[in-house]
PDB file of all heavy atoms in Angstrom:
ATOM      1  N   GLU A   1       2.170  -6.868  -9.088  1.00  0.00           N
ATOM      2  CA  GLU A   1       1.812  -6.413 -10.270  1.00  0.00           C
ATOM      3  C   GLU A   1       2.327  -5.082 -10.584  1.00  0.00           C
ATOM      4  O   GLU A   1       2.016  -4.133  -9.832  1.00  0.00           O
ATOM      5  CB  GLU A   1       0.351  -6.404 -10.639  1.00  0.00           C
ATOM      6  CG  GLU A   1      -0.331  -7.798 -10.486  1.00  0.00           C
ATOM      7  CD  GLU A   1       0.061  -8.818 -11.567  1.00  0.00           C
ATOM      8  OE1 GLU A   1       0.583  -8.266 -12.656  1.00  0.00           O
ATOM      9  OE2 GLU A   1      -0.032  -9.972 -11.317  1.00  0.00           O
ATOM     10  N   THR A   2       3.289  -4.866 -11.591  1.00  0.00           N
ATOM     11  CA  THR A   2       3.844  -3.617 -11.948  1.00  0.00           C
ATOM     12  C   THR A   2       3.649  -3.245 -13.303  1.00  0.00           C
ATOM     13  O   THR A   2       3.228  -4.139 -14.160  1.00  0.00           O
ATOM     14  CB  THR A   2       5.404  -3.472 -11.546  1.00  0.00           C
ATOM     15  OG1 THR A   2       6.082  -4.326 -12.692  1.00  0.00           O
ATOM     16  CG2 THR A   2       5.648  -4.183 -10.292  1.00  0.00           C
ATOM     17  N   ARG A   3       3.932  -2.099 -13.763  1.00  0.00           N
ATOM     18  CA  ARG A   3       3.707  -1.704 -15.250  1.00  0.00           C
ATOM     19  C   ARG A   3       4.646  -2.465 -16.037  1.00  0.00           C
ATOM     20  O   ARG A   3       4.540  -2.564 -17.248  1.00  0.00           O
ATOM     21  CB  ARG A   3       3.893  -0.314 -15.394  1.00  0.00           C
ATOM     22  CG  ARG A   3       2.629   0.478 -15.007  1.00  0.00           C
ATOM     23  CD  ARG A   3       2.904   1.954 -14.966  1.00  0.00           C
ATOM     24  NE  ARG A   3       3.690   2.499 -13.943  1.00  0.00           N
ATOM     25  CZ  ARG A   3       3.946   3.759 -13.699  1.00  0.00           C
ATOM     26  NH1 ARG A   3       3.391   4.698 -14.480  1.00  0.00           N
ATOM     27  NH2 ARG A   3       4.625   3.991 -12.754  1.00  0.00           N
ATOM     28  N   ALA A   4       5.808  -3.050 -15.481  1.00  0.00           N
ATOM     29  CA  ALA A   4       6.619  -3.847 -16.307  1.00  0.00           C
ATOM     30  C   ALA A   4       6.416  -5.293 -16.314  1.00  0.00           C
ATOM     31  O   ALA A   4       6.938  -6.092 -16.920  1.00  0.00           O
ATOM     32  CB  ALA A   4       8.239  -3.708 -15.712  1.00  0.00           C
ATOM     33  N   GLY A   5       5.282  -5.634 -15.607  1.00  0.00           N
ATOM     34  CA  GLY A   5       4.766  -7.025 -15.614  1.00  0.00           C
ATOM     35  C   GLY A   5       4.824  -7.541 -14.158  1.00  0.00           C
ATOM     36  O   GLY A   5       5.035  -6.848 -13.201  1.00  0.00           O
ATOM     37  N   ARG A   6       4.437  -8.925 -14.087  1.00  0.00           N
ATOM     38  CA  ARG A   6       4.255  -9.531 -12.847  1.00  0.00           C
ATOM     39  C   ARG A   6       5.632  -9.818 -12.236  1.00  0.00           C
ATOM     40  O   ARG A   6       6.375 -10.598 -12.896  1.00  0.00           O
ATOM     41  CB  ARG A   6       3.339 -10.714 -12.852  1.00  0.00           C
ATOM     42  CG  ARG A   6       3.320 -11.501 -11.629  1.00  0.00           C
ATOM     43  CD  ARG A   6       2.316 -12.736 -11.828  1.00  0.00           C
ATOM     44  NE  ARG A   6       2.467 -13.776 -10.831  1.00  0.00           N
ATOM     45  CZ  ARG A   6       1.417 -14.464 -10.432  1.00  0.00           C
ATOM     46  NH1 ARG A   6       0.199 -14.298 -10.934  1.00  0.00           N
ATOM     47  NH2 ARG A   6       1.544 -15.392  -9.486  1.00  0.00           N
ATOM     48  N   ILE A   7       5.893  -9.737 -10.923  1.00  0.00           N
ATOM     49  CA  ILE A   7       6.933 -10.186 -10.244  1.00  0.00           C
ATOM     50  C   ILE A   7       6.661 -11.005  -9.043  1.00  0.00           C
ATOM     51  O   ILE A   7       5.795 -10.616  -8.222  1.00  0.00           O
ATOM     52  CB  ILE A   7       7.886  -8.883  -9.760  1.00  0.00           C
ATOM     53  CG1 ILE A   7       8.371  -8.085 -10.828  1.00  0.00           C
ATOM     54  CG2 ILE A   7       9.033  -9.347  -8.946  1.00  0.00           C
ATOM     55  CD1 ILE A   7       9.004  -6.819 -10.586  1.00  0.00           C
ATOM     56  N   ASP A   8       7.260 -12.151  -9.003  1.00  0.00           N
ATOM     57  CA  ASP A   8       6.976 -13.170  -7.927  1.00  0.00           C
ATOM     58  C   ASP A   8       7.892 -12.879  -6.660  1.00  0.00           C
ATOM     59  O   ASP A   8       9.145 -12.968  -6.884  1.00  0.00           O
ATOM     60  CB  ASP A   8       7.058 -14.561  -8.329  1.00  0.00           C
ATOM     61  CG  ASP A   8       5.972 -14.884  -9.395  1.00  0.00           C
ATOM     62  OD1 ASP A   8       4.903 -14.546  -9.195  1.00  0.00           O
ATOM     63  OD2 ASP A   8       6.240 -15.725 -10.364  1.00  0.00           O
ATOM     64  N   LEU A   9       7.376 -12.339  -5.607  1.00  0.00           N
ATOM     65  CA  LEU A   9       8.118 -11.964  -4.338  1.00  0.00           C
ATOM     66  C   LEU A   9       8.051 -13.207  -3.483  1.00  0.00           C
ATOM     67  O   LEU A   9       7.148 -13.855  -3.194  1.00  0.00           O
ATOM     68  CB  LEU A   9       7.559 -10.765  -3.746  1.00  0.00           C
ATOM     69  CG  LEU A   9       7.583  -9.449  -4.605  1.00  0.00           C
ATOM     70  CD1 LEU A   9       6.923  -8.341  -3.804  1.00  0.00           C
ATOM     71  CD2 LEU A   9       8.998  -9.039  -5.011  1.00  0.00           C
ATOM     72  N   ASP A  10       9.198 -13.402  -2.712  1.00  0.00           N
ATOM     73  CA  ASP A  10       9.270 -14.255  -1.518  1.00  0.00           C
ATOM     74  C   ASP A  10       9.381 -13.395  -0.360  1.00  0.00           C
ATOM     75  O   ASP A  10      10.541 -12.792   0.035  1.00  0.00           O
ATOM     76  CB  ASP A  10      10.581 -15.152  -1.707  1.00  0.00           C
ATOM     77  CG  ASP A  10      10.382 -16.241  -2.759  1.00  0.00           C
ATOM     78  OD1 ASP A  10       9.267 -16.690  -2.842  1.00  0.00           O
ATOM     79  OD2 ASP A  10      11.338 -16.626  -3.452  1.00  0.00           O
ATOM     80  N   ILE A  11       8.364 -13.170   0.372  1.00  0.00           N
ATOM     81  CA  ILE A  11       8.259 -12.238   1.403  1.00  0.00           C
ATOM     82  C   ILE A  11       8.679 -12.937   2.759  1.00  0.00           C
ATOM     83  O   ILE A  11       7.991 -13.902   3.056  1.00  0.00           O
ATOM     84  CB  ILE A  11       6.834 -11.574   1.515  1.00  0.00           C
ATOM     85  CG1 ILE A  11       6.517 -10.846   0.359  1.00  0.00           C
ATOM     86  CG2 ILE A  11       6.793 -10.608   2.773  1.00  0.00           C
ATOM     87  CD1 ILE A  11       5.172 -10.167   0.254  1.00  0.00           C
ATOM     88  N   PRO A  12       9.675 -12.424   3.452  1.00  0.00           N
ATOM     89  CA  PRO A  12      10.070 -13.160   4.730  1.00  0.00           C
ATOM     90  C   PRO A  12       8.935 -13.171   5.695  1.00  0.00           C
ATOM     91  O   PRO A  12       8.097 -12.165   5.886  1.00  0.00           O
ATOM     92  CB  PRO A  12      11.271 -12.290   5.188  1.00  0.00           C
ATOM     93  CG  PRO A  12      11.692 -11.628   3.958  1.00  0.00           C
ATOM     94  CD  PRO A  12      10.495 -11.271   3.218  1.00  0.00           C
ATOM     95  N   LYS A  13       8.744 -14.216   6.478  1.00  0.00           N
ATOM     96  CA  LYS A  13       7.877 -14.333   7.592  1.00  0.00           C
ATOM     97  C   LYS A  13       8.705 -14.305   8.939  1.00  0.00           C
ATOM     98  O   LYS A  13       9.885 -14.667   9.004  1.00  0.00           O
ATOM     99  CB  LYS A  13       7.075 -15.581   7.629  1.00  0.00           C
ATOM    100  CG  LYS A  13       6.206 -15.821   6.335  1.00  0.00           C
ATOM    101  CD  LYS A  13       5.269 -17.068   6.529  1.00  0.00           C
ATOM    102  CE  LYS A  13       6.091 -18.298   6.758  1.00  0.00           C
ATOM    103  NZ  LYS A  13       5.227 -19.488   6.760  1.00  0.00           N
ATOM    104  N   LEU A  14       7.991 -13.873   9.986  1.00  0.00           N
ATOM    105  CA  LEU A  14       8.563 -13.786  11.376  1.00  0.00           C
ATOM    106  C   LEU A  14       7.931 -14.783  12.298  1.00  0.00           C
ATOM    107  O   LEU A  14       6.648 -15.130  12.067  1.00  0.00           O
ATOM    108  CB  LEU A  14       8.500 -12.514  11.891  1.00  0.00           C
ATOM    109  CG  LEU A  14       9.122 -11.277  11.102  1.00  0.00           C
ATOM    110  CD1 LEU A  14       8.915  -9.934  11.833  1.00  0.00           C
ATOM    111  CD2 LEU A  14      10.752 -11.594  10.779  1.00  0.00           C
ATOM    112  N   ARG A  15       8.672 -15.332  13.251  1.00  0.00           N
ATOM    113  CA  ARG A  15       8.106 -16.298  14.210  1.00  0.00           C
ATOM    114  C   ARG A  15       6.936 -15.631  15.079  1.00  0.00           C
ATOM    115  O   ARG A  15       5.960 -16.118  15.346  1.00  0.00           O
ATOM    116  CB  ARG A  15       9.136 -16.950  15.097  1.00  0.00           C
ATOM    117  CG  ARG A  15      10.020 -17.931  14.306  1.00  0.00           C
ATOM    118  CD  ARG A  15      10.907 -18.666  15.355  1.00  0.00           C
ATOM    119  NE  ARG A  15      11.859 -19.396  14.617  1.00  0.00           N
ATOM    120  CZ  ARG A  15      12.844 -20.109  15.233  1.00  0.00           C
ATOM    121  NH1 ARG A  15      12.977 -19.998  16.585  1.00  0.00           N
ATOM    122  NH2 ARG A  15      13.658 -20.765  14.477  1.00  0.00           N
ATOM    123  N   LYS A  16       7.287 -14.341  15.408  1.00  0.00           N
ATOM    124  CA  LYS A  16       6.402 -13.454  16.250  1.00  0.00           C
ATOM    125  C   LYS A  16       6.167 -12.142  15.518  1.00  0.00           C
ATOM    126  O   LYS A  16       7.171 -11.660  15.019  1.00  0.00           O
ATOM    127  CB  LYS A  16       6.954 -13.258  17.628  1.00  0.00           C
ATOM    128  CG  LYS A  16       7.005 -14.526  18.522  1.00  0.00           C
ATOM    129  CD  LYS A  16       7.412 -14.142  19.951  1.00  0.00           C
ATOM    130  CE  LYS A  16       7.414 -15.313  20.830  1.00  0.00           C
ATOM    131  NZ  LYS A  16       7.795 -15.004  22.083  1.00  0.00           N
ATOM    132  N   GLY A  17       4.901 -11.726  15.471  1.00  0.00           N
ATOM    133  CA  GLY A  17       4.679 -10.522  14.825  1.00  0.00           C
ATOM    134  C   GLY A  17       4.393 -10.733  13.230  1.00  0.00           C
ATOM    135  O   GLY A  17       4.359 -11.893  12.776  1.00  0.00           O
ATOM    136  N   SER A  18       4.397  -9.736  12.506  1.00  0.00           N
ATOM    137  CA  SER A  18       4.216  -9.838  11.017  1.00  0.00           C
ATOM    138  C   SER A  18       5.025  -8.800  10.397  1.00  0.00           C
ATOM    139  O   SER A  18       5.496  -7.875  11.006  1.00  0.00           O
ATOM    140  CB  SER A  18       2.772  -9.605  10.662  1.00  0.00           C
ATOM    141  OG  SER A  18       2.385  -8.262  11.033  1.00  0.00           O
ATOM    142  N   TYR A  19       5.403  -9.031   9.080  1.00  0.00           N
ATOM    143  CA  TYR A  19       6.138  -8.164   8.312  1.00  0.00           C
ATOM    144  C   TYR A  19       5.404  -8.032   7.066  1.00  0.00           C
ATOM    145  O   TYR A  19       5.021  -8.908   6.310  1.00  0.00           O
ATOM    146  CB  TYR A  19       7.537  -8.691   8.084  1.00  0.00           C
ATOM    147  CG  TYR A  19       8.319  -8.069   6.870  1.00  0.00           C
ATOM    148  CD1 TYR A  19       8.642  -6.688   7.028  1.00  0.00           C
ATOM    149  CD2 TYR A  19       8.482  -8.705   5.641  1.00  0.00           C
ATOM    150  CE1 TYR A  19       9.241  -6.007   5.963  1.00  0.00           C
ATOM    151  CE2 TYR A  19       9.053  -8.035   4.728  1.00  0.00           C
ATOM    152  CZ  TYR A  19       9.467  -6.619   4.777  1.00  0.00           C
ATOM    153  OH  TYR A  19      10.065  -6.000   3.815  1.00  0.00           O
ATOM    154  N   PHE A  20       5.338  -6.735   6.491  1.00  0.00           N
ATOM    155  CA  PHE A  20       4.752  -6.349   5.168  1.00  0.00           C
ATOM    156  C   PHE A  20       5.623  -5.383   4.537  1.00  0.00           C
ATOM    157  O   PHE A  20       5.960  -4.304   5.126  1.00  0.00           O
ATOM    158  CB  PHE A  20       3.390  -5.769   5.426  1.00  0.00           C
ATOM    159  CG  PHE A  20       2.604  -5.841   4.057  1.00  0.00           C
ATOM    160  CD1 PHE A  20       1.773  -7.018   3.758  1.00  0.00           C
ATOM    161  CD2 PHE A  20       2.543  -4.706   3.320  1.00  0.00           C
ATOM    162  CE1 PHE A  20       1.101  -6.891   2.509  1.00  0.00           C
ATOM    163  CE2 PHE A  20       1.774  -4.678   2.124  1.00  0.00           C
ATOM    164  CZ  PHE A  20       1.053  -5.827   1.762  1.00  0.00           C
ATOM    165  N   PRO A  21       6.153  -5.653   3.350  1.00  0.00           N
ATOM    166  CA  PRO A  21       7.051  -4.807   2.640  1.00  0.00           C
ATOM    167  C   PRO A  21       6.485  -3.386   2.462  1.00  0.00           C
ATOM    168  O   PRO A  21       5.294  -3.089   1.980  1.00  0.00           O
ATOM    169  CB  PRO A  21       7.247  -5.457   1.228  1.00  0.00           C
ATOM    170  CG  PRO A  21       6.840  -6.875   1.458  1.00  0.00           C
ATOM    171  CD  PRO A  21       5.845  -6.910   2.415  1.00  0.00           C
ATOM    172  N   SER A  22       7.375  -2.357   2.786  1.00  0.00           N
ATOM    173  CA  SER A  22       6.764  -0.906   2.666  1.00  0.00           C
ATOM    174  C   SER A  22       6.563  -0.428   1.368  1.00  0.00           C
ATOM    175  O   SER A  22       5.766   0.447   1.096  1.00  0.00           O
ATOM    176  CB  SER A  22       7.978  -0.065   3.285  1.00  0.00           C
ATOM    177  OG  SER A  22       9.041  -0.133   2.528  1.00  0.00           O
ATOM    178  N   PHE A  23       7.060  -1.244   0.335  1.00  0.00           N
ATOM    179  CA  PHE A  23       6.893  -0.719  -0.997  1.00  0.00           C
ATOM    180  C   PHE A  23       5.736  -1.267  -1.816  1.00  0.00           C
ATOM    181  O   PHE A  23       5.379  -0.695  -2.937  1.00  0.00           O
ATOM    182  CB  PHE A  23       8.112  -1.042  -1.980  1.00  0.00           C
ATOM    183  CG  PHE A  23       8.487  -2.451  -1.977  1.00  0.00           C
ATOM    184  CD1 PHE A  23       7.884  -3.371  -2.886  1.00  0.00           C
ATOM    185  CD2 PHE A  23       9.463  -3.013  -1.203  1.00  0.00           C
ATOM    186  CE1 PHE A  23       8.108  -4.579  -2.946  1.00  0.00           C
ATOM    187  CE2 PHE A  23       9.637  -4.321  -1.238  1.00  0.00           C
ATOM    188  CZ  PHE A  23       9.035  -5.138  -2.111  1.00  0.00           C
ATOM    189  N   LEU A  24       4.979  -2.112  -1.262  1.00  0.00           N
ATOM    190  CA  LEU A  24       3.846  -2.654  -1.947  1.00  0.00           C
ATOM    191  C   LEU A  24       2.703  -1.574  -1.982  1.00  0.00           C
ATOM    192  O   LEU A  24       2.455  -1.023  -0.977  1.00  0.00           O
ATOM    193  CB  LEU A  24       3.285  -3.984  -1.221  1.00  0.00           C
ATOM    194  CG  LEU A  24       4.246  -5.114  -1.528  1.00  0.00           C
ATOM    195  CD1 LEU A  24       3.561  -6.395  -0.873  1.00  0.00           C
ATOM    196  CD2 LEU A  24       4.453  -5.514  -3.025  1.00  0.00           C
ATOM    197  N   GLU A  25       2.053  -1.616  -3.077  1.00  0.00           N
ATOM    198  CA  GLU A  25       1.091  -0.556  -3.341  1.00  0.00           C
ATOM    199  C   GLU A  25      -0.027  -0.457  -2.285  1.00  0.00           C
ATOM    200  O   GLU A  25      -0.498   0.600  -1.976  1.00  0.00           O
ATOM    201  CB  GLU A  25       0.404  -0.792  -4.732  1.00  0.00           C
ATOM    202  CG  GLU A  25      -0.683   0.255  -5.031  1.00  0.00           C
ATOM    203  CD  GLU A  25      -0.009   1.734  -5.226  1.00  0.00           C
ATOM    204  OE1 GLU A  25       1.201   1.839  -5.448  1.00  0.00           O
ATOM    205  OE2 GLU A  25      -0.778   2.636  -5.202  1.00  0.00           O
ATOM    206  N   PRO A  26      -0.615  -1.624  -1.757  1.00  0.00           N
ATOM    207  CA  PRO A  26      -1.717  -1.480  -0.749  1.00  0.00           C
ATOM    208  C   PRO A  26      -1.301  -0.741   0.449  1.00  0.00           C
ATOM    209  O   PRO A  26      -2.280  -0.029   1.057  1.00  0.00           O
ATOM    210  CB  PRO A  26      -1.991  -3.036  -0.290  1.00  0.00           C
ATOM    211  CG  PRO A  26      -1.538  -3.796  -1.629  1.00  0.00           C
ATOM    212  CD  PRO A  26      -0.371  -2.973  -2.148  1.00  0.00           C
ATOM    213  N   ARG A  27      -0.056  -0.650   0.772  1.00  0.00           N
ATOM    214  CA  ARG A  27       0.390   0.252   1.790  1.00  0.00           C
ATOM    215  C   ARG A  27       0.065   1.730   1.536  1.00  0.00           C
ATOM    216  O   ARG A  27      -0.095   2.510   2.465  1.00  0.00           O
ATOM    217  CB  ARG A  27       1.822   0.012   2.191  1.00  0.00           C
ATOM    218  CG  ARG A  27       2.133  -1.109   2.998  1.00  0.00           C
ATOM    219  CD  ARG A  27       1.634  -0.940   4.442  1.00  0.00           C
ATOM    220  NE  ARG A  27       2.024  -1.873   5.394  1.00  0.00           N
ATOM    221  CZ  ARG A  27       1.605  -2.027   6.562  1.00  0.00           C
ATOM    222  NH1 ARG A  27       0.929  -1.070   6.973  1.00  0.00           N
ATOM    223  NH2 ARG A  27       2.087  -3.009   7.275  1.00  0.00           N
ATOM    224  N   ARG A  28      -0.043   2.115   0.312  1.00  0.00           N
ATOM    225  CA  ARG A  28      -0.151   3.412  -0.034  1.00  0.00           C
ATOM    226  C   ARG A  28      -1.700   3.833  -0.164  1.00  0.00           C
ATOM    227  O   ARG A  28      -2.120   4.888  -0.396  1.00  0.00           O
ATOM    228  CB  ARG A  28       0.510   3.857  -1.269  1.00  0.00           C
ATOM    229  CG  ARG A  28       2.056   3.718  -1.106  1.00  0.00           C
ATOM    230  CD  ARG A  28       2.802   3.744  -2.551  1.00  0.00           C
ATOM    231  NE  ARG A  28       2.451   4.951  -3.153  1.00  0.00           N
ATOM    232  CZ  ARG A  28       2.663   5.051  -4.526  1.00  0.00           C
ATOM    233  NH1 ARG A  28       3.184   4.084  -5.094  1.00  0.00           N
ATOM    234  NH2 ARG A  28       2.363   6.290  -5.165  1.00  0.00           N
ATOM    235  N   THR A  29      -2.487   2.762  -0.411  1.00  0.00           N
ATOM    236  CA  THR A  29      -3.866   2.965  -0.571  1.00  0.00           C
ATOM    237  C   THR A  29      -4.623   3.754   0.404  1.00  0.00           C
ATOM    238  O   THR A  29      -5.465   4.664   0.139  1.00  0.00           O
ATOM    239  CB  THR A  29      -4.650   1.593  -0.830  1.00  0.00           C
ATOM    240  OG1 THR A  29      -4.011   0.848  -1.831  1.00  0.00           O
ATOM    241  CG2 THR A  29      -6.026   1.840  -1.151  1.00  0.00           C
ATOM    242  N   ALA A  30      -4.372   3.593   1.673  1.00  0.00           N
ATOM    243  CA  ALA A  30      -4.986   4.178   2.760  1.00  0.00           C
ATOM    244  C   ALA A  30      -4.617   5.701   2.790  1.00  0.00           C
ATOM    245  O   ALA A  30      -5.385   6.623   3.138  1.00  0.00           O
ATOM    246  CB  ALA A  30      -4.642   3.546   4.140  1.00  0.00           C
ATOM    247  N   GLU A  31      -3.283   6.007   2.478  1.00  0.00           N
ATOM    248  CA  GLU A  31      -2.802   7.415   2.409  1.00  0.00           C
ATOM    249  C   GLU A  31      -3.541   8.099   1.291  1.00  0.00           C
ATOM    250  O   GLU A  31      -3.987   9.273   1.442  1.00  0.00           O
ATOM    251  CB  GLU A  31      -1.362   7.433   2.250  1.00  0.00           C
ATOM    252  CG  GLU A  31      -0.537   6.706   3.410  1.00  0.00           C
ATOM    253  CD  GLU A  31      -0.763   7.332   4.700  1.00  0.00           C
ATOM    254  OE1 GLU A  31      -1.108   8.505   4.727  1.00  0.00           O
ATOM    255  OE2 GLU A  31      -0.699   6.608   5.755  1.00  0.00           O
ATOM    256  N   LYS A  32      -3.733   7.492   0.210  1.00  0.00           N
ATOM    257  CA  LYS A  32      -4.446   8.134  -0.872  1.00  0.00           C
ATOM    258  C   LYS A  32      -5.922   8.317  -0.616  1.00  0.00           C
ATOM    259  O   LYS A  32      -6.405   9.418  -0.917  1.00  0.00           O
ATOM    260  CB  LYS A  32      -4.341   7.168  -2.100  1.00  0.00           C
ATOM    261  CG  LYS A  32      -2.926   7.252  -2.848  1.00  0.00           C
ATOM    262  CD  LYS A  32      -3.051   6.384  -4.100  1.00  0.00           C
ATOM    263  CE  LYS A  32      -1.635   6.206  -4.869  1.00  0.00           C
ATOM    264  NZ  LYS A  32      -1.719   5.220  -6.044  1.00  0.00           N
ATOM    265  N   ALA A  33      -6.495   7.270   0.132  1.00  0.00           N
ATOM    266  CA  ALA A  33      -7.928   7.534   0.425  1.00  0.00           C
ATOM    267  C   ALA A  33      -8.045   8.715   1.394  1.00  0.00           C
ATOM    268  O   ALA A  33      -9.008   9.509   1.384  1.00  0.00           O
ATOM    269  CB  ALA A  33      -8.423   6.174   1.030  1.00  0.00           C
ATOM    270  N   LEU A  34      -7.222   8.885   2.432  1.00  0.00           N
ATOM    271  CA  LEU A  34      -7.252   9.977   3.388  1.00  0.00           C
ATOM    272  C   LEU A  34      -7.128  11.192   2.646  1.00  0.00           C
ATOM    273  O   LEU A  34      -7.908  12.135   2.863  1.00  0.00           O
ATOM    274  CB  LEU A  34      -6.128   9.796   4.504  1.00  0.00           C
ATOM    275  CG  LEU A  34      -6.097  10.753   5.472  1.00  0.00           C
ATOM    276  CD1 LEU A  34      -7.528  10.935   6.308  1.00  0.00           C
ATOM    277  CD2 LEU A  34      -5.001  10.599   6.515  1.00  0.00           C
ATOM    278  N   THR A  35      -6.107  11.264   1.711  1.00  0.00           N
ATOM    279  CA  THR A  35      -5.988  12.592   0.880  1.00  0.00           C
ATOM    280  C   THR A  35      -7.287  12.917   0.082  1.00  0.00           C
ATOM    281  O   THR A  35      -7.779  14.025   0.112  1.00  0.00           O
ATOM    282  CB  THR A  35      -4.810  12.312  -0.075  1.00  0.00           C
ATOM    283  OG1 THR A  35      -3.598  12.073   0.651  1.00  0.00           O
ATOM    284  CG2 THR A  35      -4.651  13.591  -0.846  1.00  0.00           C
ATOM    285  N   ALA A  36      -8.011  11.818  -0.478  1.00  0.00           N
ATOM    286  CA  ALA A  36      -9.030  12.170  -1.300  1.00  0.00           C
ATOM    287  C   ALA A  36     -10.329  12.594  -0.424  1.00  0.00           C
ATOM    288  O   ALA A  36     -10.953  13.551  -0.762  1.00  0.00           O
ATOM    289  CB  ALA A  36      -9.502  10.775  -1.978  1.00  0.00           C
ATOM    290  N   VAL A  37     -10.467  12.026   0.784  1.00  0.00           N
ATOM    291  CA  VAL A  37     -11.546  12.336   1.596  1.00  0.00           C
ATOM    292  C   VAL A  37     -11.357  13.774   2.139  1.00  0.00           C
ATOM    293  O   VAL A  37     -12.296  14.486   2.144  1.00  0.00           O
ATOM    294  CB  VAL A  37     -11.681  11.379   2.831  1.00  0.00           C
ATOM    295  CG1 VAL A  37     -12.621  11.921   3.900  1.00  0.00           C
ATOM    296  CG2 VAL A  37     -12.161   9.977   2.330  1.00  0.00           C
ATOM    297  N   ILE A  38     -10.010  13.966   2.517  1.00  0.00           N
ATOM    298  CA  ILE A  38      -9.825  15.430   3.070  1.00  0.00           C
ATOM    299  C   ILE A  38     -10.121  16.540   1.989  1.00  0.00           C
ATOM    300  O   ILE A  38     -10.679  17.477   2.136  1.00  0.00           O
ATOM    301  CB  ILE A  38      -8.420  15.546   3.509  1.00  0.00           C
ATOM    302  CG1 ILE A  38      -8.188  14.734   4.788  1.00  0.00           C
ATOM    303  CG2 ILE A  38      -8.000  16.943   3.681  1.00  0.00           C
ATOM    304  CD1 ILE A  38      -6.717  14.649   5.266  1.00  0.00           C
ATOM    305  N   GLN A  39      -9.712  16.183   0.743  1.00  0.00           N
ATOM    306  CA  GLN A  39      -9.845  17.225  -0.393  1.00  0.00           C
ATOM    307  C   GLN A  39     -11.295  17.295  -0.765  1.00  0.00           C
ATOM    308  O   GLN A  39     -11.739  18.259  -1.178  1.00  0.00           O
ATOM    309  CB  GLN A  39      -8.992  16.832  -1.557  1.00  0.00           C
ATOM    310  CG  GLN A  39      -7.477  16.847  -1.298  1.00  0.00           C
ATOM    311  CD  GLN A  39      -6.664  16.480  -2.554  1.00  0.00           C
ATOM    312  OE1 GLN A  39      -7.101  15.821  -3.408  1.00  0.00           O
ATOM    313  NE2 GLN A  39      -5.459  16.884  -2.528  1.00  0.00           N
ATOM    314  N   GLU A  40     -12.028  16.172  -0.772  1.00  0.00           N
ATOM    315  CA  GLU A  40     -13.442  16.256  -1.038  1.00  0.00           C
ATOM    316  C   GLU A  40     -14.161  17.077   0.021  1.00  0.00           C
ATOM    317  O   GLU A  40     -15.007  17.891  -0.417  1.00  0.00           O
ATOM    318  CB  GLU A  40     -14.120  14.751  -1.085  1.00  0.00           C
ATOM    319  CG  GLU A  40     -15.559  14.854  -1.538  1.00  0.00           C
ATOM    320  CD  GLU A  40     -16.115  13.427  -1.564  1.00  0.00           C
ATOM    321  OE1 GLU A  40     -15.565  12.464  -0.920  1.00  0.00           O
ATOM    322  OE2 GLU A  40     -17.161  13.317  -2.154  1.00  0.00           O
ATOM    323  N   ALA A  41     -13.905  16.903   1.169  1.00  0.00           N
ATOM    324  CA  ALA A  41     -14.570  17.683   2.268  1.00  0.00           C
ATOM    325  C   ALA A  41     -14.190  19.254   2.007  1.00  0.00           C
ATOM    326  O   ALA A  41     -15.056  20.229   2.236  1.00  0.00           O
ATOM    327  CB  ALA A  41     -14.030  17.313   3.651  1.00  0.00           C
ATOM    328  N   TYR A  42     -12.950  19.461   1.681  1.00  0.00           N
ATOM    329  CA  TYR A  42     -12.500  20.826   1.412  1.00  0.00           C
ATOM    330  C   TYR A  42     -13.134  21.552   0.314  1.00  0.00           C
ATOM    331  O   TYR A  42     -13.803  22.650   0.488  1.00  0.00           O
ATOM    332  CB  TYR A  42     -10.990  20.801   1.153  1.00  0.00           C
ATOM    333  CG  TYR A  42     -10.433  22.251   1.073  1.00  0.00           C
ATOM    334  CD1 TYR A  42     -10.113  23.080   2.076  1.00  0.00           C
ATOM    335  CD2 TYR A  42     -10.138  22.695  -0.255  1.00  0.00           C
ATOM    336  CE1 TYR A  42      -9.560  24.241   1.946  1.00  0.00           C
ATOM    337  CE2 TYR A  42      -9.651  24.006  -0.425  1.00  0.00           C
ATOM    338  CZ  TYR A  42      -9.246  24.751   0.716  1.00  0.00           C
ATOM    339  OH  TYR A  42      -8.564  25.944   0.473  1.00  0.00           O
ATOM    340  N   ILE A  43     -13.419  20.906  -0.739  1.00  0.00           N
ATOM    341  CA  ILE A  43     -13.961  21.606  -1.961  1.00  0.00           C
ATOM    342  C   ILE A  43     -15.455  21.721  -1.855  1.00  0.00           C
ATOM    343  O   ILE A  43     -16.119  22.539  -2.490  1.00  0.00           O
ATOM    344  CB  ILE A  43     -13.624  20.771  -3.254  1.00  0.00           C
ATOM    345  CG1 ILE A  43     -14.214  19.426  -3.309  1.00  0.00           C
ATOM    346  CG2 ILE A  43     -12.175  20.786  -3.611  1.00  0.00           C
ATOM    347  CD1 ILE A  43     -14.087  18.705  -4.550  1.00  0.00           C
ATOM    348  N   LYS A  44     -16.092  20.843  -0.887  1.00  0.00           N
ATOM    349  CA  LYS A  44     -17.541  20.983  -0.725  1.00  0.00           C
ATOM    350  C   LYS A  44     -17.894  21.979   0.471  1.00  0.00           C
ATOM    351  O   LYS A  44     -19.054  22.205   0.853  1.00  0.00           O
ATOM    352  CB  LYS A  44     -18.206  19.709  -0.334  1.00  0.00           C
ATOM    353  CG  LYS A  44     -18.121  18.611  -1.455  1.00  0.00           C
ATOM    354  CD  LYS A  44     -18.897  17.450  -1.174  1.00  0.00           C
ATOM    355  CE  LYS A  44     -19.117  16.598  -2.426  1.00  0.00           C
ATOM    356  NZ  LYS A  44     -19.795  15.323  -2.184  1.00  0.00           N
TER     357      LYS A  44
END
């Protein structure tokens, strides 16, 4: 889901291990959460 609308991706699979595209938003969620927690601790 992008601001330009929905895009259907064909994500490659591997026989061993896993692959997840670096550009998908969920990959950035943890980084944003870490930033939020650190900043909240700081201002308090």
